[in-house]
């Protein structure tokens, strides 16, 4: 399937690009979840 070096290099670059996008997406989701939880805790404490 990946006989020549150009195809292999292109596949590797695409794989790395997709992997980087997934990693940054996961980080953004975790950050948003943590921020939401922190905001929820702060508002709950202020309601007392």
PDB file of N, CA and C in Angstrom:
ATOM      1  N   UNK A   1       0.843  -1.200   0.000  1.00  0.00           N
ATOM      2  CA  UNK A   1       0.000   0.000   0.000  1.00  0.00           C
ATOM      3  C   UNK A   1       0.882   1.255   0.000  1.00  0.00           C
ATOM      4  N   UNK A   2       1.830   1.304   0.947  1.00  0.00           N
ATOM      5  CA  UNK A   2       2.720   2.470   1.021  1.00  0.00           C
ATOM      6  C   UNK A   2       4.080   2.091   0.447  1.00  0.00           C
ATOM      7  N   UNK A   3       4.164   2.107  -0.883  1.00  0.00           N
ATOM      8  CA  UNK A   3       5.394   1.634  -1.511  1.00  0.00           C
ATOM      9  C   UNK A   3       6.452   2.721  -1.592  1.00  0.00           C
ATOM     10  N   UNK A   4       6.078   3.897  -2.066  1.00  0.00           N
ATOM     11  CA  UNK A   4       7.114   4.928  -2.208  1.00  0.00           C
ATOM     12  C   UNK A   4       7.174   5.819  -0.975  1.00  0.00           C
ATOM     13  N   UNK A   5       8.285   6.510  -0.823  1.00  0.00           N
ATOM     14  CA  UNK A   5       8.520   7.306   0.382  1.00  0.00           C
ATOM     15  C   UNK A   5       7.592   8.512   0.470  1.00  0.00           C
ATOM     16  N   UNK A   6       7.231   9.066  -0.683  1.00  0.00           N
ATOM     17  CA  UNK A   6       6.350  10.249  -0.653  1.00  0.00           C
ATOM     18  C   UNK A   6       4.989   9.900  -0.056  1.00  0.00           C
ATOM     19  N   UNK A   7       4.441   8.767  -0.464  1.00  0.00           N
ATOM     20  CA  UNK A   7       3.135   8.357   0.065  1.00  0.00           C
ATOM     21  C   UNK A   7       3.228   8.089   1.562  1.00  0.00           C
ATOM     22  N   UNK A   8       4.299   7.424   1.955  1.00  0.00           N
ATOM     23  CA  UNK A   8       4.488   7.110   3.369  1.00  0.00           C
ATOM     24  C   UNK A   8       4.638   8.394   4.179  1.00  0.00           C
ATOM     25  N   UNK A   9       5.398   9.347   3.649  1.00  0.00           N
ATOM     26  CA  UNK A   9       5.598  10.618   4.348  1.00  0.00           C
ATOM     27  C   UNK A   9       4.275  11.375   4.463  1.00  0.00           C
ATOM     28  N   UNK A  10       3.510  11.403   3.379  1.00  0.00           N
ATOM     29  CA  UNK A  10       2.220  12.099   3.402  1.00  0.00           C
ATOM     30  C   UNK A  10       1.280  11.458   4.416  1.00  0.00           C
ATOM     31  N   UNK A  11       1.252  10.124   4.442  1.00  0.00           N
ATOM     32  CA  UNK A  11       0.382   9.430   5.398  1.00  0.00           C
ATOM     33  C   UNK A  11       0.803   9.730   6.830  1.00  0.00           C
ATOM     34  N   UNK A  12       2.113   9.776   7.056  1.00  0.00           N
ATOM     35  CA  UNK A  12       2.619  10.079   8.396  1.00  0.00           C
ATOM     36  C   UNK A  12       2.238  11.496   8.815  1.00  0.00           C
ATOM     37  N   UNK A  13       2.374  12.439   7.897  1.00  0.00           N
ATOM     38  CA  UNK A  13       2.036  13.828   8.202  1.00  0.00           C
ATOM     39  C   UNK A  13       0.550  13.969   8.510  1.00  0.00           C
ATOM     40  N   UNK A  14      -0.290  13.302   7.716  1.00  0.00           N
ATOM     41  CA  UNK A  14      -1.737  13.358   7.948  1.00  0.00           C
ATOM     42  C   UNK A  14      -2.075  12.755   9.310  1.00  0.00           C
ATOM     43  N   UNK A  15      -1.425  11.616   9.600  1.00  0.00           N
ATOM     44  CA  UNK A  15      -1.671  10.947  10.881  1.00  0.00           C
ATOM     45  C   UNK A  15      -1.284  11.848  12.050  1.00  0.00           C
ATOM     46  N   UNK A  16      -0.111  12.482  11.944  1.00  0.00           N
ATOM     47  CA  UNK A  16       0.341  13.381  13.012  1.00  0.00           C
ATOM     48  C   UNK A  16      -0.577  14.585  13.145  1.00  0.00           C
ATOM     49  N   UNK A  17      -1.028  15.114  11.996  1.00  0.00           N
ATOM     50  CA  UNK A  17      -1.907  16.288  12.008  1.00  0.00           C
ATOM     51  C   UNK A  17      -3.230  15.956  12.694  1.00  0.00           C
ATOM     52  N   UNK A  18      -3.803  14.811  12.313  1.00  0.00           N
ATOM     53  CA  UNK A  18      -5.071  14.390  12.929  1.00  0.00           C
ATOM     54  C   UNK A  18      -4.879  14.119  14.420  1.00  0.00           C
ATOM     55  N   UNK A  19      -3.764  13.470  14.750  1.00  0.00           N
ATOM     56  CA  UNK A  19      -3.491  13.190  16.157  1.00  0.00           C
ATOM     57  C   UNK A  19      -3.351  14.464  16.977  1.00  0.00           C
ATOM     58  N   UNK A  20      -2.680  15.469  16.410  1.00  0.00           N
ATOM     59  CA  UNK A  20      -2.508  16.740  17.107  1.00  0.00           C
ATOM     60  C   UNK A  20      -3.852  17.431  17.285  1.00  0.00           C
ATOM     61  N   UNK A  21      -4.696  17.377  16.263  1.00  0.00           N
ATOM     62  CA  UNK A  21      -6.022  17.995  16.366  1.00  0.00           C
ATOM     63  C   UNK A  21      -6.863  17.300  17.432  1.00  0.00           C
ATOM     64  N   UNK A  22      -6.783  15.972  17.490  1.00  0.00           N
ATOM     65  CA  UNK A  22      -7.543  15.238  18.496  1.00  0.00           C
ATOM     66  C   UNK A  22      -7.039  15.567  19.896  1.00  0.00           C
ATOM     67  N   UNK A  23      -5.724  15.671  20.043  1.00  0.00           N
ATOM     68  CA  UNK A  23      -5.148  15.970  21.350  1.00  0.00           C
ATOM     69  C   UNK A  23      -5.565  17.366  21.817  1.00  0.00           C
ATOM     70  N   UNK A  24      -5.502  18.346  20.910  1.00  0.00           N
ATOM     71  CA  UNK A  24      -5.881  19.703  21.294  1.00  0.00           C
ATOM     72  C   UNK A  24      -7.377  19.768  21.571  1.00  0.00           C
ATOM     73  N   UNK A  25      -8.164  18.996  20.823  1.00  0.00           N
ATOM     74  CA  UNK A  25      -9.600  18.953  21.064  1.00  0.00           C
ATOM     75  C   UNK A  25      -9.908  18.379  22.440  1.00  0.00           C
ATOM     76  N   UNK A  26      -9.210  17.306  22.793  1.00  0.00           N
ATOM     77  CA  UNK A  26      -9.407  16.695  24.111  1.00  0.00           C
ATOM     78  C   UNK A  26      -9.009  17.676  25.209  1.00  0.00           C
ATOM     79  N   UNK A  27      -7.898  18.380  25.015  1.00  0.00           N
ATOM     80  CA  UNK A  27      -7.441  19.346  26.010  1.00  0.00           C
ATOM     81  C   UNK A  27      -8.472  20.459  26.169  1.00  0.00           C
ATOM     82  N   UNK A  28      -9.046  20.902  25.050  1.00  0.00           N
ATOM     83  CA  UNK A  28     -10.049  21.964  25.110  1.00  0.00           C
ATOM     84  C   UNK A  28     -11.291  21.477  25.851  1.00  0.00           C
ATOM     85  N   UNK A  29     -11.707  20.241  25.581  1.00  0.00           N
ATOM     86  CA  UNK A  29     -12.881  19.692  26.263  1.00  0.00           C
ATOM     87  C   UNK A  29     -12.630  19.563  27.755  1.00  0.00           C
ATOM     88  N   UNK A  30     -11.449  19.066  28.124  1.00  0.00           N
ATOM     89  CA  UNK A  30     -11.120  18.914  29.547  1.00  0.00           C
ATOM     90  C   UNK A  30     -11.058  20.282  30.217  1.00  0.00           C
ATOM     91  N   UNK A  31     -10.455  21.265  29.524  1.00  0.00           N
ATOM     92  CA  UNK A  31     -10.376  22.616  30.070  1.00  0.00           C
ATOM     93  C   UNK A  31     -11.757  23.227  30.266  1.00  0.00           C
ATOM     94  N   UNK A  32     -12.632  23.034  29.280  1.00  0.00           N
ATOM     95  CA  UNK A  32     -13.989  23.574  29.377  1.00  0.00           C
ATOM     96  C   UNK A  32     -14.751  22.903  30.515  1.00  0.00           C
ATOM     97  N   UNK A  33     -14.582  21.590  30.650  1.00  0.00           N
ATOM     98  CA  UNK A  33     -15.267  20.859  31.722  1.00  0.00           C
ATOM     99  C   UNK A  33     -14.762  21.330  33.086  1.00  0.00           C
ATOM    100  N   UNK A  34     -13.448  21.510  33.211  1.00  0.00           N
ATOM    101  CA  UNK A  34     -12.881  21.964  34.481  1.00  0.00           C
ATOM    102  C   UNK A  34     -13.351  23.383  34.794  1.00  0.00           C
ATOM    103  N   UNK A  35     -13.371  24.238  33.782  1.00  0.00           N
ATOM    104  CA  UNK A  35     -13.838  25.613  33.980  1.00  0.00           C
ATOM    105  C   UNK A  35     -15.303  25.646  34.381  1.00  0.00           C
ATOM    106  N   UNK A  36     -16.114  24.829  33.724  1.00  0.00           N
ATOM    107  CA  UNK A  36     -17.537  24.763  34.062  1.00  0.00           C
ATOM    108  C   UNK A  36     -17.748  24.259  35.476  1.00  0.00           C
ATOM    109  N   UNK A  37     -16.985  23.235  35.867  1.00  0.00           N
ATOM    110  CA  UNK A  37     -17.114  22.694  37.224  1.00  0.00           C
ATOM    111  C   UNK A  37     -16.693  23.738  38.251  1.00  0.00           C
ATOM    112  N   UNK A  38     -15.615  24.460  37.964  1.00  0.00           N
ATOM    113  CA  UNK A  38     -15.148  25.488  38.895  1.00  0.00           C
ATOM    114  C   UNK A  38     -16.183  26.603  39.017  1.00  0.00           C
ATOM    115  N   UNK A  39     -16.754  27.020  37.889  1.00  0.00           N
ATOM    116  CA  UNK A  39     -17.776  28.073  37.925  1.00  0.00           C
ATOM    117  C   UNK A  39     -19.005  27.601  38.691  1.00  0.00           C
ATOM    118  N   UNK A  40     -19.374  26.331  38.508  1.00  0.00           N
ATOM    119  CA  UNK A  40     -20.531  25.770  39.214  1.00  0.00           C
ATOM    120  C   UNK A  40     -20.290  25.757  40.722  1.00  0.00           C
ATOM    121  N   UNK A  41     -19.082  25.342  41.121  1.00  0.00           N
ATOM    122  CA  UNK A  41     -18.746  25.288  42.548  1.00  0.00           C
ATOM    123  C   UNK A  41     -18.774  26.692  43.143  1.00  0.00           C
ATOM    124  N   UNK A  42     -18.222  27.668  42.408  1.00  0.00           N
ATOM    125  CA  UNK A  42     -18.190  29.048  42.912  1.00  0.00           C
ATOM    126  C   UNK A  42     -19.602  29.585  43.075  1.00  0.00           C
ATOM    127  N   UNK A  43     -20.468  29.348  42.087  1.00  0.00           N
ATOM    128  CA  UNK A  43     -21.836  29.861  42.183  1.00  0.00           C
ATOM    129  C   UNK A  43     -22.600  29.161  43.298  1.00  0.00           C
ATOM    130  N   UNK A  44     -22.347  27.864  43.494  1.00  0.00           N
ATOM    131  CA  UNK A  44     -23.014  27.147  44.575  1.00  0.00           C
ATOM    132  C   UNK A  44     -22.573  27.676  45.938  1.00  0.00           C
ATOM    133  N   UNK A  45     -21.291  28.000  46.063  1.00  0.00           N
ATOM    134  CA  UNK A  45     -20.792  28.527  47.331  1.00  0.00           C
ATOM    135  C   UNK A  45     -21.369  29.919  47.589  1.00  0.00           C
ATOM    136  N   UNK A  46     -21.533  30.700  46.523  1.00  0.00           N
ATOM    137  CA  UNK A  46     -22.068  32.048  46.682  1.00  0.00           C
ATOM    138  C   UNK A  46     -23.548  32.025  47.020  1.00  0.00           C
ATOM    139  N   UNK A  47     -24.241  30.940  46.703  1.00  0.00           N
ATOM    140  CA  UNK A  47     -25.675  30.856  46.977  1.00  0.00           C
ATOM    141  C   UNK A  47     -25.967  30.618  48.461  1.00  0.00           C
ATOM    142  N   UNK A  48     -24.977  30.187  49.207  1.00  0.00           N
ATOM    143  CA  UNK A  48     -25.238  29.857  50.609  1.00  0.00           C
ATOM    144  C   UNK A  48     -25.547  31.076  51.389  1.00  0.00           C
TER     145      UNK A  48
END
